[in-house]
Protein backbone atom coordinates (compact mmCIF):
# COMPACT_ATOMS: atom_id res chain seq x y z
CA MET A 1 -34.16 -34.40 -19.79
CA THR A 2 -35.53 -30.85 -19.85
CA LEU A 3 -37.51 -29.77 -16.83
CA SER A 4 -40.13 -27.05 -17.27
CA LEU A 5 -41.99 -25.68 -14.23
CA ASP A 6 -45.22 -24.18 -15.35
CA LEU A 7 -45.91 -21.61 -12.72
CA THR A 8 -49.25 -20.66 -14.13
CA ALA A 9 -50.84 -23.48 -12.24
CA GLU A 10 -52.69 -22.22 -9.18
CA GLY A 11 -50.96 -24.44 -6.67
CA ALA A 12 -47.42 -23.68 -7.91
CA ARG A 13 -47.98 -20.01 -7.77
CA ASP A 14 -49.51 -19.42 -4.34
CA ALA A 15 -46.10 -18.96 -2.68
CA LEU A 16 -44.76 -16.76 -5.41
CA ARG A 17 -47.91 -14.61 -5.76
CA ALA A 18 -47.50 -13.33 -2.22
CA ARG A 19 -44.05 -12.09 -3.25
CA ALA A 20 -45.04 -10.40 -6.48
CA THR A 21 -44.67 -6.72 -6.31
CA PRO A 22 -47.93 -4.75 -5.79
CA ALA A 23 -48.10 -2.07 -8.41
CA GLU A 24 -49.54 0.55 -6.07
CA LYS A 25 -46.53 0.60 -3.67
CA PRO A 26 -43.15 1.94 -4.74
CA THR A 27 -40.22 -0.42 -4.37
CA LEU A 28 -37.08 0.36 -2.31
CA ILE A 29 -34.98 -1.94 -4.51
CA GLY A 30 -32.80 0.02 -6.87
CA LEU A 31 -32.53 3.14 -4.72
CA THR A 32 -29.15 4.41 -3.57
CA ARG A 33 -28.53 4.79 0.18
CA VAL A 34 -29.17 8.48 -0.05
CA GLU A 35 -32.39 7.89 -1.97
CA LEU A 36 -33.50 5.25 0.53
CA GLY A 37 -33.08 7.67 3.42
CA ALA A 38 -34.87 10.43 1.55
CA ALA A 39 -37.80 8.15 0.78
CA LEU A 40 -38.19 7.11 4.43
CA VAL A 41 -38.16 10.72 5.56
CA GLU A 42 -40.50 11.90 2.82
CA ALA A 43 -42.97 9.15 3.80
CA GLY A 44 -42.80 10.39 7.45
CA ILE A 45 -41.62 6.97 8.69
CA VAL A 46 -38.31 8.08 10.27
CA PRO A 47 -36.88 11.47 11.35
CA GLU A 48 -34.09 12.91 9.22
CA ARG A 49 -31.52 12.29 11.91
CA GLN A 50 -32.17 8.48 11.62
CA ALA A 51 -32.38 8.30 7.86
CA LYS A 52 -28.78 7.22 7.21
CA MET A 53 -28.81 4.50 9.84
CA ARG A 54 -32.18 3.13 8.69
CA ALA A 55 -31.12 3.20 4.99
CA GLN A 56 -28.04 1.15 5.95
CA GLN A 57 -30.25 -1.33 7.82
CA LEU A 58 -32.55 -1.79 4.83
CA TRP A 59 -29.58 -2.02 2.47
CA HIS A 60 -28.16 -4.91 4.48
CA TRP A 61 -31.49 -6.77 4.63
CA MET A 62 -32.20 -6.33 0.91
CA TYR A 63 -28.74 -7.02 -0.53
CA VAL A 64 -26.80 -9.05 2.01
CA ARG A 65 -29.56 -11.15 3.48
CA GLY A 66 -31.84 -11.12 0.43
CA VAL A 67 -35.03 -10.49 2.44
CA SER A 68 -38.06 -9.84 0.22
CA ASP A 69 -40.58 -9.09 3.01
CA PHE A 70 -40.27 -6.45 5.74
CA SER A 71 -41.41 -8.95 8.29
CA GLY A 72 -38.06 -10.69 8.07
CA MET A 73 -36.02 -7.65 9.07
CA PHE A 74 -35.66 -8.72 12.70
CA ASN A 75 -33.54 -5.85 14.09
CA ILE A 76 -36.15 -3.34 13.02
CA SER A 77 -39.10 -2.71 15.39
CA LYS A 78 -42.45 -4.31 14.68
CA ASP A 79 -44.13 -0.91 14.38
CA LEU A 80 -41.52 0.37 11.90
CA ARG A 81 -41.75 -2.83 9.84
CA ALA A 82 -45.51 -2.31 9.60
CA GLU A 83 -45.05 1.31 8.48
CA LEU A 84 -42.48 0.23 5.85
CA ASP A 85 -44.89 -2.41 4.57
CA ARG A 86 -47.72 0.14 4.34
CA HIS A 87 -45.71 2.51 2.22
CA PHE A 88 -43.19 0.37 0.24
CA THR A 89 -42.37 -3.04 -1.04
CA VAL A 90 -39.18 -5.13 -1.50
CA ALA A 91 -41.01 -8.02 -3.09
CA ARG A 92 -39.79 -9.99 -6.14
CA PRO A 93 -41.39 -9.90 -9.59
CA GLU A 94 -43.79 -12.50 -10.80
CA ILE A 95 -42.21 -15.59 -12.24
CA VAL A 96 -44.35 -16.93 -15.07
CA GLU A 97 -42.22 -19.90 -15.93
CA GLU A 98 -38.96 -21.55 -14.85
CA GLN A 99 -37.21 -24.03 -17.17
CA ILE A 100 -34.27 -26.24 -16.36
CA SER A 101 -32.15 -27.57 -19.19
CA ALA A 102 -30.63 -31.04 -19.41
CA ASP A 103 -27.23 -29.32 -18.89
CA GLY A 104 -28.35 -27.47 -15.73
CA THR A 105 -28.94 -24.13 -17.43
CA ARG A 106 -31.99 -22.36 -16.04
CA LYS A 107 -34.24 -19.83 -17.71
CA TRP A 108 -36.89 -17.69 -16.01
CA LEU A 109 -39.66 -15.75 -17.60
CA PHE A 110 -40.43 -12.67 -15.51
CA ARG A 111 -43.52 -10.50 -15.75
CA PHE A 112 -43.31 -6.78 -14.76
CA PRO A 113 -45.99 -4.06 -14.53
CA PRO A 114 -46.83 -1.99 -17.72
CA ARG A 115 -45.15 1.24 -16.59
CA GLY A 116 -46.21 3.08 -19.71
CA ALA A 117 -46.10 0.07 -21.99
CA GLY A 118 -49.87 -0.32 -22.00
CA ARG A 119 -49.76 -3.95 -20.68
CA PRO A 120 -47.56 -6.05 -18.44
CA VAL A 121 -44.24 -6.93 -19.98
CA GLU A 122 -42.16 -10.10 -19.95
CA ILE A 123 -38.40 -10.75 -20.12
CA GLU A 124 -36.14 -13.72 -19.93
CA THR A 125 -33.05 -14.29 -17.67
CA VAL A 126 -30.66 -17.19 -17.95
CA TYR A 127 -28.39 -18.87 -15.36
CA ILE A 128 -25.44 -20.92 -16.65
CA PRO A 129 -23.65 -23.17 -14.14
CA GLU A 130 -20.01 -24.08 -14.95
CA GLU A 131 -17.22 -25.64 -12.99
CA GLY A 132 -15.87 -22.95 -10.63
CA ARG A 133 -18.48 -20.33 -11.41
CA GLY A 134 -22.11 -19.55 -12.16
CA THR A 135 -23.06 -16.85 -14.69
CA LEU A 136 -26.32 -14.95 -14.77
CA CYS A 137 -27.28 -13.39 -18.09
CA ILE A 138 -29.43 -10.33 -17.39
CA SER A 139 -31.70 -8.36 -19.66
CA SER A 140 -31.81 -4.58 -19.84
CA GLN A 141 -34.77 -3.93 -22.16
CA VAL A 142 -38.05 -5.52 -23.14
CA GLY A 143 -37.26 -6.40 -26.75
CA CYS A 144 -34.51 -4.71 -28.72
CA THR A 145 -34.09 -1.93 -31.31
CA LEU A 146 -30.99 -3.29 -33.01
CA THR A 147 -32.45 -5.96 -35.33
CA CYS A 148 -29.18 -7.89 -35.66
CA SER A 149 -30.00 -10.29 -38.44
CA PHE A 150 -28.75 -13.44 -36.67
CA CYS A 151 -30.35 -12.78 -33.29
CA HIS A 152 -33.71 -14.07 -32.22
CA THR A 153 -34.12 -11.47 -29.54
CA GLY A 154 -33.74 -8.72 -32.17
CA THR A 155 -36.93 -9.95 -33.94
CA GLN A 156 -38.95 -8.62 -31.00
CA LYS A 157 -39.56 -4.88 -31.23
CA LEU A 158 -38.52 -2.73 -28.25
CA VAL A 159 -41.39 -2.25 -25.74
CA ARG A 160 -39.57 -0.28 -23.11
CA ASN A 161 -36.41 0.01 -21.01
CA LEU A 162 -36.22 -1.96 -17.71
CA THR A 163 -35.92 0.11 -14.52
CA THR A 164 -33.03 -0.26 -12.15
CA GLU A 165 -35.25 -2.27 -9.82
CA GLU A 166 -36.22 -4.65 -12.64
CA ILE A 167 -32.63 -5.23 -13.62
CA LEU A 168 -31.63 -5.93 -10.03
CA ALA A 169 -34.72 -8.04 -9.45
CA GLN A 170 -33.39 -10.58 -11.93
CA LEU A 171 -30.26 -11.09 -9.88
CA LEU A 172 -32.09 -11.11 -6.51
CA THR A 173 -34.66 -13.60 -7.74
CA ALA A 174 -32.04 -15.86 -9.30
CA ARG A 175 -30.17 -15.95 -5.94
CA ASP A 176 -33.49 -16.74 -4.20
CA ARG A 177 -34.31 -19.67 -6.54
CA LEU A 178 -30.70 -21.04 -6.25
CA GLY A 179 -30.51 -20.72 -2.46
CA ASP A 180 -27.67 -18.22 -2.82
CA PHE A 181 -28.48 -15.95 0.13
CA PRO A 182 -27.51 -16.73 3.74
CA ASP A 183 -29.88 -18.99 5.66
CA ARG A 184 -32.51 -17.22 7.70
CA ASP A 185 -30.87 -18.45 10.96
CA THR A 186 -27.37 -17.08 10.04
CA PRO A 187 -26.46 -14.77 12.93
CA ASP A 188 -26.78 -11.03 12.17
CA GLY A 189 -23.25 -9.66 11.59
CA ALA A 190 -21.76 -13.02 10.67
CA ILE A 191 -19.15 -12.97 7.92
CA VAL A 192 -20.85 -14.41 4.88
CA PRO A 193 -18.30 -15.74 2.34
CA ALA A 194 -18.26 -14.19 -1.11
CA GLU A 195 -16.63 -17.29 -2.63
CA GLY A 196 -18.65 -20.35 -3.44
CA ARG A 197 -21.65 -18.43 -4.56
CA LYS A 198 -23.90 -19.99 -7.11
CA VAL A 199 -24.13 -16.64 -8.92
CA SER A 200 -20.53 -15.51 -9.12
CA ASN A 201 -20.62 -13.64 -12.39
CA ILE A 202 -23.19 -11.54 -14.21
CA VAL A 203 -23.25 -10.51 -17.85
CA MET A 204 -25.47 -7.80 -19.36
CA MET A 205 -26.03 -9.95 -22.42
CA GLY A 206 -29.69 -10.75 -22.24
CA MET A 207 -32.55 -8.97 -24.04
CA GLY A 208 -31.76 -5.42 -25.22
CA GLU A 209 -28.86 -3.09 -25.70
CA PRO A 210 -27.57 -2.05 -22.26
CA LEU A 211 -26.02 1.17 -23.43
CA TYR A 212 -29.42 2.38 -24.75
CA ASN A 213 -30.54 2.17 -21.08
CA PHE A 214 -27.36 3.53 -19.67
CA GLU A 215 -28.49 5.24 -16.47
CA ALA A 216 -30.67 2.37 -15.17
CA VAL A 217 -27.94 -0.19 -16.04
CA LYS A 218 -25.24 1.96 -14.42
CA LYS A 219 -27.22 2.31 -11.19
CA ALA A 220 -28.02 -1.41 -11.08
CA LEU A 221 -24.44 -2.51 -11.68
CA LEU A 222 -23.04 -0.06 -9.03
CA ILE A 223 -25.48 -1.51 -6.48
CA ALA A 224 -24.60 -5.10 -7.59
CA SER A 225 -20.85 -4.35 -7.07
CA ASP A 226 -21.30 -2.46 -3.77
CA GLY A 227 -18.95 -4.07 -1.24
CA ASP A 228 -21.51 -3.76 1.61
CA GLY A 229 -24.30 -5.40 -0.30
CA LEU A 230 -24.42 -7.87 -3.20
CA SER A 231 -20.61 -7.43 -3.37
CA LEU A 232 -19.91 -8.79 -6.85
CA SER A 233 -16.46 -7.92 -8.12
CA LYS A 234 -16.52 -5.54 -11.08
CA ARG A 235 -14.02 -7.99 -12.69
CA ARG A 236 -16.87 -10.53 -12.61
CA ILE A 237 -19.39 -8.19 -14.24
CA THR A 238 -19.36 -7.89 -18.07
CA LEU A 239 -21.46 -5.45 -20.10
CA SER A 240 -21.94 -6.41 -23.74
CA THR A 241 -22.72 -3.77 -26.33
CA SER A 242 -23.31 -3.96 -30.09
CA GLY A 243 -21.32 -0.78 -30.40
CA VAL A 244 -22.97 2.34 -28.95
CA VAL A 245 -19.69 4.20 -29.32
CA PRO A 246 -20.59 7.46 -27.32
CA GLU A 247 -21.33 5.40 -24.16
CA ILE A 248 -18.39 3.03 -24.27
CA PHE A 249 -15.96 5.37 -22.60
CA ARG A 250 -18.61 6.28 -20.00
CA THR A 251 -19.03 2.59 -19.19
CA GLY A 252 -15.41 2.31 -18.24
CA GLU A 253 -15.23 5.63 -16.47
CA GLU A 254 -18.51 5.62 -14.56
CA ILE A 255 -19.25 1.90 -14.04
CA GLY A 256 -15.81 0.30 -14.31
CA VAL A 257 -16.93 -3.18 -15.36
CA MET A 258 -15.56 -5.50 -17.98
CA LEU A 259 -16.50 -4.73 -21.57
CA ALA A 260 -17.62 -7.14 -24.36
CA ILE A 261 -18.28 -6.12 -27.89
CA SER A 262 -20.66 -7.93 -30.27
CA LEU A 263 -18.38 -7.78 -33.26
CA HIS A 264 -19.24 -10.64 -35.65
CA ALA A 265 -17.62 -9.09 -38.76
CA THR A 266 -14.34 -7.54 -39.79
CA ASN A 267 -15.52 -5.16 -42.54
CA ASP A 268 -18.25 -2.53 -42.62
CA ASP A 269 -20.22 -4.05 -45.52
CA LEU A 270 -20.80 -7.34 -43.67
CA ARG A 271 -21.22 -5.75 -40.25
CA ASP A 272 -23.82 -3.40 -41.63
CA LEU A 273 -25.82 -6.45 -42.57
CA LEU A 274 -25.25 -8.47 -39.37
CA VAL A 275 -25.22 -5.61 -36.85
CA PRO A 276 -27.06 -2.65 -38.36
CA ILE A 277 -25.91 -0.19 -35.71
CA ASN A 278 -22.65 -0.37 -37.57
CA LYS A 279 -24.16 2.06 -40.11
CA LYS A 280 -24.28 4.69 -37.35
CA TYR A 281 -21.03 3.75 -35.63
CA PRO A 282 -18.73 2.05 -38.14
CA LEU A 283 -15.85 -0.22 -37.26
CA LYS A 284 -13.19 2.55 -37.29
CA GLU A 285 -15.11 4.46 -34.56
CA LEU A 286 -15.87 1.34 -32.60
CA ILE A 287 -12.32 0.07 -32.54
CA ALA A 288 -11.03 3.54 -31.57
CA ALA A 289 -13.47 3.60 -28.62
CA CYS A 290 -12.18 0.19 -27.54
CA ARG A 291 -8.59 1.34 -27.63
CA ALA A 292 -9.52 4.27 -25.41
CA TYR A 293 -11.47 2.11 -22.87
CA PRO A 294 -10.44 3.21 -19.39
CA GLY A 295 -8.21 0.74 -17.53
CA LEU A 296 -7.54 -1.40 -20.56
CA SER A 297 -4.59 -3.74 -19.98
CA ASN A 298 -3.52 -7.33 -20.46
CA ALA A 299 -5.11 -8.03 -17.07
CA ARG A 300 -8.28 -6.22 -18.06
CA ARG A 301 -9.06 -7.17 -21.60
CA ILE A 302 -12.00 -6.49 -23.85
CA THR A 303 -13.95 -9.54 -24.98
CA PHE A 304 -14.94 -9.54 -28.64
CA GLU A 305 -17.88 -11.80 -29.45
CA TYR A 306 -17.89 -13.41 -32.81
CA VAL A 307 -20.79 -15.69 -33.88
CA MET A 308 -19.78 -18.36 -36.36
CA LEU A 309 -22.06 -18.29 -39.43
CA LYS A 310 -21.46 -20.83 -42.13
CA ASP A 311 -20.08 -19.35 -45.38
CA VAL A 312 -20.69 -15.83 -44.03
CA ASN A 313 -17.85 -14.88 -41.68
CA ASP A 314 -15.97 -18.09 -40.96
CA SER A 315 -13.23 -18.33 -43.59
CA LEU A 316 -9.49 -18.23 -42.87
CA ASP A 317 -9.38 -14.85 -44.56
CA ASP A 318 -11.97 -13.60 -41.98
CA ALA A 319 -9.68 -14.89 -39.15
CA LYS A 320 -6.69 -13.06 -40.62
CA ALA A 321 -8.73 -9.86 -40.92
CA LEU A 322 -9.91 -10.21 -37.35
CA VAL A 323 -6.37 -10.41 -36.04
CA LYS A 324 -5.38 -7.36 -38.09
CA LEU A 325 -8.42 -5.39 -36.91
CA LEU A 326 -7.73 -5.98 -33.22
CA LYS A 327 -3.95 -5.59 -33.38
CA GLY A 328 -2.64 -3.93 -30.20
CA ILE A 329 -5.87 -4.20 -28.23
CA PRO A 330 -5.65 -6.45 -25.11
CA ALA A 331 -8.44 -8.76 -26.08
CA LYS A 332 -10.07 -12.15 -25.80
CA ILE A 333 -12.13 -13.44 -28.73
CA ASN A 334 -15.18 -15.57 -27.88
CA LEU A 335 -16.15 -17.72 -30.80
CA ILE A 336 -19.91 -18.51 -30.60
CA PRO A 337 -21.42 -21.42 -32.53
CA PHE A 338 -24.61 -20.06 -34.03
CA ASN A 339 -27.72 -21.12 -32.16
CA PRO A 340 -30.64 -21.76 -34.53
CA TRP A 341 -34.09 -20.25 -34.02
CA PRO A 342 -37.37 -20.38 -35.93
CA GLY A 343 -37.28 -18.55 -39.23
CA THR A 344 -33.53 -17.88 -39.45
CA ASN A 345 -31.70 -18.33 -42.78
CA TYR A 346 -28.30 -18.73 -41.10
CA GLN A 347 -26.52 -21.95 -40.28
CA CYS A 348 -23.82 -22.72 -37.75
CA SER A 349 -20.30 -23.10 -39.15
CA ASP A 350 -19.00 -26.72 -39.36
CA TRP A 351 -17.09 -27.72 -36.24
CA GLU A 352 -13.92 -28.32 -38.16
CA THR A 353 -14.16 -24.80 -39.60
CA ILE A 354 -14.66 -23.29 -36.15
CA GLU A 355 -11.60 -25.13 -34.79
CA LYS A 356 -9.37 -24.03 -37.70
CA PHE A 357 -10.58 -20.43 -37.13
CA ALA A 358 -9.82 -20.72 -33.39
CA ASP A 359 -6.38 -22.19 -34.05
CA TYR A 360 -5.40 -19.26 -36.24
CA ILE A 361 -6.58 -16.75 -33.66
CA ASN A 362 -4.78 -18.58 -30.86
CA ASN A 363 -1.54 -18.83 -32.84
CA ALA A 364 -1.73 -15.05 -33.35
CA GLY A 365 -1.58 -14.60 -29.57
CA TYR A 366 -5.21 -14.15 -28.64
CA ALA A 367 -7.18 -16.30 -26.28
CA SER A 368 -9.94 -17.67 -28.42
CA PRO A 369 -12.24 -20.04 -26.56
CA ILE A 370 -15.15 -21.66 -28.39
CA ARG A 371 -18.26 -21.02 -26.31
CA THR A 372 -19.96 -24.29 -25.37
CA PRO A 373 -23.59 -24.02 -26.40
CA ARG A 374 -25.72 -24.19 -23.30
CA GLY A 375 -29.49 -24.42 -22.79
CA ARG A 376 -30.34 -24.95 -26.40
CA ASP A 377 -33.10 -27.33 -25.44
CA ILE A 378 -34.97 -24.52 -23.66
CA LEU A 379 -34.08 -21.73 -26.12
CA ALA A 380 -31.76 -20.22 -23.51
CA ALA A 381 -28.62 -20.12 -25.65
CA CYS A 382 -26.87 -16.97 -26.92
CA GLY A 383 -29.14 -14.92 -29.22
CA GLN A 384 -32.26 -17.05 -28.49
CA LEU A 385 -33.95 -15.03 -25.70
CA LYS A 386 -37.31 -13.68 -26.46
CA SER A 387 -40.33 -12.93 -24.26
CA GLU A 388 -43.29 -15.21 -23.84
CA SER A 389 -45.72 -12.72 -25.59
CA GLU A 390 -43.76 -13.11 -28.78
CA ARG A 391 -42.94 -16.83 -28.47
CA MET A 392 -44.31 -19.50 -30.76
CA ARG A 393 -47.12 -21.82 -29.66
CA LYS A 394 -46.02 -24.31 -27.02
CA VAL A 395 -46.58 -27.31 -29.30
CA ASP A 396 -44.38 -25.79 -31.98
CA ARG A 397 -41.71 -24.82 -29.49
CA LEU A 398 -41.55 -28.37 -28.05
CA ALA A 399 -41.23 -29.76 -31.54
CA LEU A 400 -38.40 -27.34 -32.26
CA GLU A 401 -36.61 -28.19 -29.01
CA ALA A 402 -36.79 -31.91 -29.86
CA MET A 403 -35.36 -31.16 -33.33
CA MET A 404 -32.49 -29.13 -31.82
CA ILE A 405 -31.54 -31.88 -29.33
CA ALA A 406 -31.61 -34.48 -32.11
CA GLY A 407 -29.56 -32.29 -34.40
CA HIS A 408 -26.95 -31.11 -31.95
CA GLY A 409 -26.43 -34.01 -29.47
CA GLU A 410 -25.80 -33.01 -25.94
CA ALA A 411 -26.51 -29.31 -25.37
């Protein structure tokens, strides 16, 4: 049974409203330690000689303890906390809606300030629990410019890039909602285990093309992987791109996270249709960039995502062409059953066809898992994310969700 928490109700939102970020105060989330110290000095809150120490204190409270209110920073004096609160915020964004799928997948609709967009903007973030790990799918833009023909998110025009703070806020809020930060009464300085976290992995696979927002994404992921803060291993962070070739090498060199490529076709004619950025950066350039990815090895493979579209890219000849295209690249190939959305003309490949495709890829020596569809009943599956402002009327959405559940069995 799908659970939807409508946070527009007055009673449900009282606690969250207090934590929503006031637009008039700048946030400290998303600043580097150096920038944190400089902000404190510039605001006249601390002398320059204390800036480094105070920045480290704030870093610990924000990213280790997950505190979203200065009043909870107990080793900072009451007067200093009041000054911090007067000048800055570390509050979370507004949660418009939280949905929980029958399979445990969660989807949040966040609302952020306009910041040049003319109106407040909304984005979706998805949490997928699995045995042994929990993956958070994070958005990097409001909307998308790429118009991939099979992707629901691509039907929403780009509104703006998300800031570093807005990217990190998705992770921080998810950990809040999942109880994934240390308890308030955990002694200061106690060793907090990194294992057993509810959010153990993050993927930049939500709304938008991360490499079209490179600097903000880079800064957010470096903060997320900082060993004295959120402390996520770079091996557990994956950035997915549709193929922005000039930024692929920089991703490996400057961020050092795992790379995923939204491939979906093995020839330029078909990929031009499915993933139009291919017209700018064709397969030859994309594959060359993958071969040159820093640190590439059998232990650090590139993931190639391949959505299975019935009678479009799912033949045995397509499987053979895929193996030939990726020859010599340490790779894993994720086969993604197509997730339907309103207005699409594509259909998901038959299960038997997907299994035959996977068997050929596996026999050629590539790991080729078939991604289990998750969160279909709340439109949280791969390629289905889209903000509330563009979403269909609720009555139509509920009817579609019921149809999906009936047509696909257990999500």
